[in-house]
Amino acid sequence: MDIDPQADTPFGLSPVLSAGTSVAGRAFGILLSQIMTFRLKPFELVSEKAISEALGISRTPVREALARLAGLGLIDIYPQRGSVVAPLRLADLEKSQFLREALEVGLVGRAVASPNRPHLLHKLKDELVLQEALSLISDDRRFFKSDELFHQHIANHAGFPGLWAEISAAKLHMDRFRFLTFPRVDSMKTVIDQHRAIVDSIEIGEARRAEEAMREHLRRIFSVIGIVQQRHPEYFSDEDQQPQLARPRRGRGEKDAVA
């Protein structure tokens, strides 16, 4: 296990998932980044001792950080075995995508009716121009951040600016899968084309068309996930095939992968 305290992540952490200023919060932020970017790989053993030594902190805040990650479904804690990075589970992806689609399809419909629609269109078109430029130089990290902003602009202009924090939490597992699909499996051009379809629908004031374009965009991950399974079968797990006694326990008070 190799912990890099300076490692960053292409995923913008929302206030819901922010690391915070405490020692445990810092440990949580570093471990979250490493899990989301596969520096810590599925099924990899996570040692409290190794983490505390790498970060120069005691084991108590590390234990707190691991419990928080377990509550999010990113760490599995096995009695008498310790903690391991959770494998990729299709059930987690399906739930995460379902929550995101339910929220964002509704938001784009509201955005079409917003009196601030011209301002929203200006921001979305700026992101499209930037995404075109980033695709030419294959800057996937900055492209991903622009992708996030594209969707956040819609949430903000739909009248619920604070809702993006909840969307960020809901789509956590979807983002984990997306790191493996983009851009190695999915393409920047496809993302741009789908974004443009959303913008065009908003511009002509067609709420239903905008909702369908958003729905198609957010479901694309299902069309490429099979390729990821073929390339990284060692990252996936079918929990239904595990003996009951071997199944991990979630964080305290958590039953589902996404809080």
Protein backbone atom coordinates (compact mmCIF):
# COMPACT_ATOMS: atom_id res chain seq x y z
CA MET A 1 0.00 0.00 0.00
CA ASP A 2 1.47 3.32 -1.14
CA ILE A 3 -0.08 6.44 0.39
CA ASP A 4 0.73 9.78 -1.25
CA PRO A 5 -0.32 12.68 1.04
CA GLN A 6 0.09 15.16 -1.84
CA ALA A 7 -2.06 13.28 -4.37
CA ASP A 8 -4.99 15.19 -5.76
CA THR A 9 -8.15 13.98 -7.45
CA PRO A 10 -10.01 15.03 -10.58
CA PHE A 11 -13.24 14.82 -8.66
CA GLY A 12 -14.37 18.01 -6.96
CA LEU A 13 -15.39 17.13 -3.43
CA SER A 14 -18.68 18.67 -2.38
CA PRO A 15 -19.27 20.07 1.12
CA VAL A 16 -20.91 16.75 1.96
CA LEU A 17 -17.65 14.93 1.25
CA SER A 18 -15.17 17.66 2.12
CA ALA A 19 -12.18 16.56 4.13
CA GLY A 20 -12.45 19.21 6.82
CA THR A 21 -9.66 20.67 8.89
CA SER A 22 -9.34 17.94 11.52
CA VAL A 23 -6.62 15.31 11.39
CA ALA A 24 -9.24 12.65 10.70
CA GLY A 25 -10.71 14.86 7.96
CA ARG A 26 -7.33 15.19 6.30
CA ALA A 27 -6.82 11.42 6.42
CA PHE A 28 -10.30 10.91 4.98
CA GLY A 29 -9.62 13.30 2.09
CA ILE A 30 -6.34 11.64 1.17
CA LEU A 31 -7.77 8.12 1.32
CA LEU A 32 -10.88 9.14 -0.62
CA SER A 33 -8.71 10.60 -3.38
CA GLN A 34 -6.56 7.48 -3.56
CA ILE A 35 -9.56 5.16 -3.72
CA MET A 36 -11.40 7.22 -6.34
CA THR A 37 -8.33 7.36 -8.60
CA PHE A 38 -7.38 3.69 -8.05
CA ARG A 39 -4.06 4.45 -6.40
CA LEU A 40 -5.62 2.24 -3.76
CA LYS A 41 -7.11 -0.61 -5.75
CA PRO A 42 -10.18 -2.76 -5.03
CA PHE A 43 -9.49 -5.58 -2.56
CA GLU A 44 -6.24 -3.94 -1.43
CA LEU A 45 -5.59 -4.27 2.29
CA VAL A 46 -5.68 -0.93 4.11
CA SER A 47 -3.44 -0.91 7.15
CA GLU A 48 -4.13 1.59 9.94
CA LYS A 49 -0.50 1.33 10.98
CA ALA A 50 0.88 1.97 7.48
CA ILE A 51 -1.43 4.93 6.93
CA SER A 52 -0.66 6.52 10.27
CA GLU A 53 3.08 6.20 9.59
CA ALA A 54 2.77 7.58 6.05
CA LEU A 55 0.74 10.58 7.23
CA GLY A 56 2.60 11.09 10.48
CA ILE A 57 -0.53 10.85 12.62
CA SER A 58 -1.88 8.54 15.29
CA ARG A 59 -4.05 5.55 14.46
CA THR A 60 -7.21 7.00 16.03
CA PRO A 61 -7.95 9.58 13.27
CA VAL A 62 -7.07 6.94 10.66
CA ARG A 63 -9.63 4.62 12.23
CA GLU A 64 -12.21 7.42 12.12
CA ALA A 65 -11.46 8.10 8.46
CA LEU A 66 -11.80 4.42 7.57
CA ALA A 67 -15.13 4.22 9.37
CA ARG A 68 -16.39 7.19 7.38
CA LEU A 69 -15.26 5.59 4.12
CA ALA A 70 -16.93 2.34 5.15
CA GLY A 71 -20.15 4.28 5.65
CA LEU A 72 -19.87 5.45 2.04
CA GLY A 73 -19.30 1.90 0.80
CA LEU A 74 -15.69 2.52 -0.26
CA ILE A 75 -14.05 0.43 2.47
CA ASP A 76 -15.12 -3.05 3.59
CA ILE A 77 -14.38 -3.96 7.20
CA TYR A 78 -14.08 -7.66 7.93
CA PRO A 79 -14.04 -8.98 11.50
CA GLN A 80 -10.63 -10.46 12.35
CA ARG A 81 -9.30 -9.52 8.90
CA GLY A 82 -9.19 -5.74 8.90
CA SER A 83 -10.09 -3.22 6.22
CA VAL A 84 -9.86 -3.56 2.44
CA VAL A 85 -10.76 -1.23 -0.42
CA ALA A 86 -14.27 -2.15 -1.57
CA PRO A 87 -14.54 -3.78 -5.00
CA LEU A 88 -16.61 -2.28 -7.77
CA ARG A 89 -20.20 -3.43 -7.37
CA LEU A 90 -22.73 -3.00 -10.15
CA ALA A 91 -25.48 -2.54 -7.56
CA ASP A 92 -23.61 0.52 -6.24
CA LEU A 93 -23.30 1.92 -9.76
CA GLU A 94 -26.97 1.36 -10.55
CA LYS A 95 -28.14 3.06 -7.36
CA SER A 96 -25.72 5.95 -7.76
CA GLN A 97 -26.73 6.52 -11.39
CA PHE A 98 -30.43 6.25 -10.55
CA LEU A 99 -30.17 8.94 -7.90
CA ARG A 100 -28.18 11.24 -10.16
CA GLU A 101 -30.59 10.80 -13.09
CA ALA A 102 -33.64 11.41 -10.92
CA LEU A 103 -32.19 14.69 -9.68
CA GLU A 104 -30.55 16.04 -12.83
CA VAL A 105 -33.38 15.26 -15.25
CA GLY A 106 -35.70 17.23 -13.00
CA LEU A 107 -33.20 20.07 -12.71
CA VAL A 108 -32.68 20.51 -16.44
CA GLY A 109 -36.44 20.71 -16.93
CA ARG A 110 -36.62 23.49 -14.36
CA ALA A 111 -33.63 25.23 -15.92
CA VAL A 112 -35.48 25.54 -19.23
CA ALA A 113 -38.23 27.50 -17.48
CA SER A 114 -35.81 29.65 -15.47
CA PRO A 115 -35.80 33.42 -16.11
CA ASN A 116 -32.00 33.15 -15.92
CA ARG A 117 -31.88 30.82 -18.93
CA PRO A 118 -29.84 33.27 -21.10
CA HIS A 119 -27.18 33.49 -18.39
CA LEU A 120 -27.15 29.69 -18.05
CA LEU A 121 -26.74 29.26 -21.80
CA HIS A 122 -23.79 31.65 -21.78
CA LYS A 123 -22.06 29.59 -19.09
CA LEU A 124 -22.83 26.25 -20.75
CA LYS A 125 -21.56 27.42 -24.13
CA ASP A 126 -18.36 28.67 -22.49
CA GLU A 127 -17.85 25.19 -21.03
CA LEU A 128 -18.44 23.63 -24.45
CA VAL A 129 -15.77 25.85 -26.00
CA LEU A 130 -13.36 24.93 -23.22
CA GLN A 131 -14.16 21.23 -23.57
CA GLU A 132 -13.48 21.35 -27.31
CA ALA A 133 -10.07 22.89 -26.62
CA LEU A 134 -9.24 20.40 -23.86
CA SER A 135 -10.21 17.48 -26.07
CA LEU A 136 -7.71 18.63 -28.69
CA ILE A 137 -4.86 18.47 -26.17
CA SER A 138 -6.23 15.36 -24.39
CA ASP A 139 -6.31 17.08 -20.99
CA ASP A 140 -8.67 14.63 -19.32
CA ARG A 141 -8.36 16.06 -15.79
CA ARG A 142 -9.35 19.59 -16.75
CA PHE A 143 -12.00 18.19 -19.08
CA PHE A 144 -13.54 16.26 -16.21
CA LYS A 145 -13.64 19.41 -14.06
CA SER A 146 -15.35 21.30 -16.89
CA ASP A 147 -17.82 18.42 -17.20
CA GLU A 148 -18.62 18.78 -13.51
CA LEU A 149 -19.10 22.55 -13.87
CA PHE A 150 -21.41 22.03 -16.84
CA HIS A 151 -23.79 20.00 -14.70
CA GLN A 152 -23.36 22.23 -11.66
CA HIS A 153 -24.35 25.32 -13.69
CA ILE A 154 -27.65 23.63 -14.57
CA ALA A 155 -28.33 22.80 -10.92
CA ASN A 156 -27.55 26.35 -9.85
CA HIS A 157 -29.81 27.93 -12.48
CA ALA A 158 -32.68 25.56 -11.75
CA GLY A 159 -33.20 27.31 -8.43
CA PHE A 160 -31.42 24.83 -6.17
CA PRO A 161 -27.75 25.93 -5.99
CA GLY A 162 -27.16 23.93 -2.81
CA LEU A 163 -28.44 20.72 -4.35
CA TRP A 164 -25.17 20.04 -6.16
CA ALA A 165 -23.60 18.95 -2.87
CA GLU A 166 -26.23 16.23 -2.55
CA ILE A 167 -25.80 15.20 -6.17
CA SER A 168 -22.05 14.93 -5.63
CA ALA A 169 -22.64 12.58 -2.71
CA ALA A 170 -25.22 10.54 -4.64
CA LYS A 171 -22.98 10.08 -7.67
CA LEU A 172 -19.89 9.04 -5.71
CA HIS A 173 -19.89 5.43 -6.91
CA MET A 174 -20.78 6.49 -10.44
CA ASP A 175 -17.69 8.73 -10.41
CA ARG A 176 -15.55 5.83 -9.28
CA PHE A 177 -16.66 3.78 -12.28
CA ARG A 178 -16.28 6.80 -14.56
CA PHE A 179 -12.61 7.14 -13.67
CA LEU A 180 -11.98 3.82 -15.41
CA THR A 181 -14.20 4.60 -18.40
CA PHE A 182 -12.96 8.09 -19.22
CA PRO A 183 -11.21 8.78 -21.52
CA ARG A 184 -9.82 5.31 -22.11
CA VAL A 185 -13.18 3.76 -22.94
CA ASP A 186 -15.56 6.69 -23.30
CA SER A 187 -14.60 9.57 -25.57
CA MET A 188 -14.45 13.32 -25.05
CA LYS A 189 -16.19 13.80 -28.38
CA THR A 190 -19.18 11.76 -27.26
CA VAL A 191 -19.45 13.75 -24.03
CA ILE A 192 -19.25 17.04 -25.94
CA ASP A 193 -21.89 15.93 -28.44
CA GLN A 194 -24.24 14.95 -25.64
CA HIS A 195 -23.59 18.20 -23.78
CA ARG A 196 -24.35 20.12 -26.98
CA ALA A 197 -27.66 18.28 -27.37
CA ILE A 198 -28.60 19.38 -23.86
CA VAL A 199 -27.61 22.99 -24.57
CA ASP A 200 -29.52 23.06 -27.87
CA SER A 201 -32.66 21.79 -26.14
CA ILE A 202 -32.39 24.41 -23.40
CA GLU A 203 -31.83 27.15 -25.97
CA ILE A 204 -35.03 26.39 -27.92
CA GLY A 205 -37.00 26.01 -24.69
CA GLU A 206 -37.87 22.33 -25.12
CA ALA A 207 -37.98 20.97 -21.57
CA ARG A 208 -38.95 17.42 -22.53
CA ARG A 209 -36.23 17.25 -25.15
CA ALA A 210 -33.68 18.58 -22.65
CA GLU A 211 -34.74 15.95 -20.13
CA GLU A 212 -34.37 13.16 -22.68
CA ALA A 213 -30.93 14.45 -23.71
CA MET A 214 -29.85 14.53 -20.06
CA ARG A 215 -31.23 11.04 -19.46
CA GLU A 216 -29.36 9.64 -22.46
CA HIS A 217 -26.17 11.36 -21.31
CA LEU A 218 -26.34 9.98 -17.78
CA ARG A 219 -27.14 6.44 -18.96
CA ARG A 220 -24.18 6.20 -21.32
CA ILE A 221 -22.03 4.67 -18.60
CA PHE A 222 -24.06 1.45 -18.89
CA SER A 223 -23.04 1.09 -22.53
CA VAL A 224 -19.32 1.11 -21.73
CA ILE A 225 -19.15 -0.61 -18.36
CA GLY A 226 -18.91 -4.05 -19.98
CA ILE A 227 -15.61 -3.04 -21.55
CA VAL A 228 -14.29 -2.02 -18.15
CA GLN A 229 -15.32 -5.39 -16.71
CA GLN A 230 -13.39 -7.15 -19.46
CA ARG A 231 -10.30 -5.03 -18.89
CA HIS A 232 -10.36 -5.08 -15.09
CA PRO A 233 -12.25 -8.19 -13.95
CA GLU A 234 -10.12 -8.24 -10.81
CA TYR A 235 -11.78 -5.02 -9.62
CA PHE A 236 -15.33 -6.40 -9.64
CA SER A 237 -17.19 -8.52 -7.15
CA ASP A 238 -20.51 -10.33 -7.09
CA GLU A 239 -21.55 -10.22 -3.46
CA ASP A 240 -24.31 -12.74 -4.09
CA GLN A 241 -21.59 -15.36 -4.60
CA GLN A 242 -19.96 -14.67 -1.24
CA PRO A 243 -20.73 -16.90 1.72
CA GLN A 244 -22.93 -15.06 4.22
CA LEU A 245 -20.31 -15.09 6.97
CA ALA A 246 -17.69 -13.58 4.69
CA ARG A 247 -19.72 -10.52 3.79
CA PRO A 248 -18.31 -7.24 5.10
CA ARG A 249 -20.10 -4.96 7.47
CA ARG A 250 -20.80 -1.37 6.53
CA GLY A 251 -19.99 1.62 8.63
CA ARG A 252 -22.11 2.11 11.74
CA GLY A 253 -25.70 2.88 10.84
CA GLU A 254 -25.12 2.29 7.11
CA LYS A 255 -26.72 -0.43 5.03
CA ASP A 256 -26.47 1.02 1.54
CA ALA A 257 -23.47 2.03 -0.51
CA VAL A 258 -24.51 5.65 -1.00
CA ALA A 259 -25.63 7.74 1.93
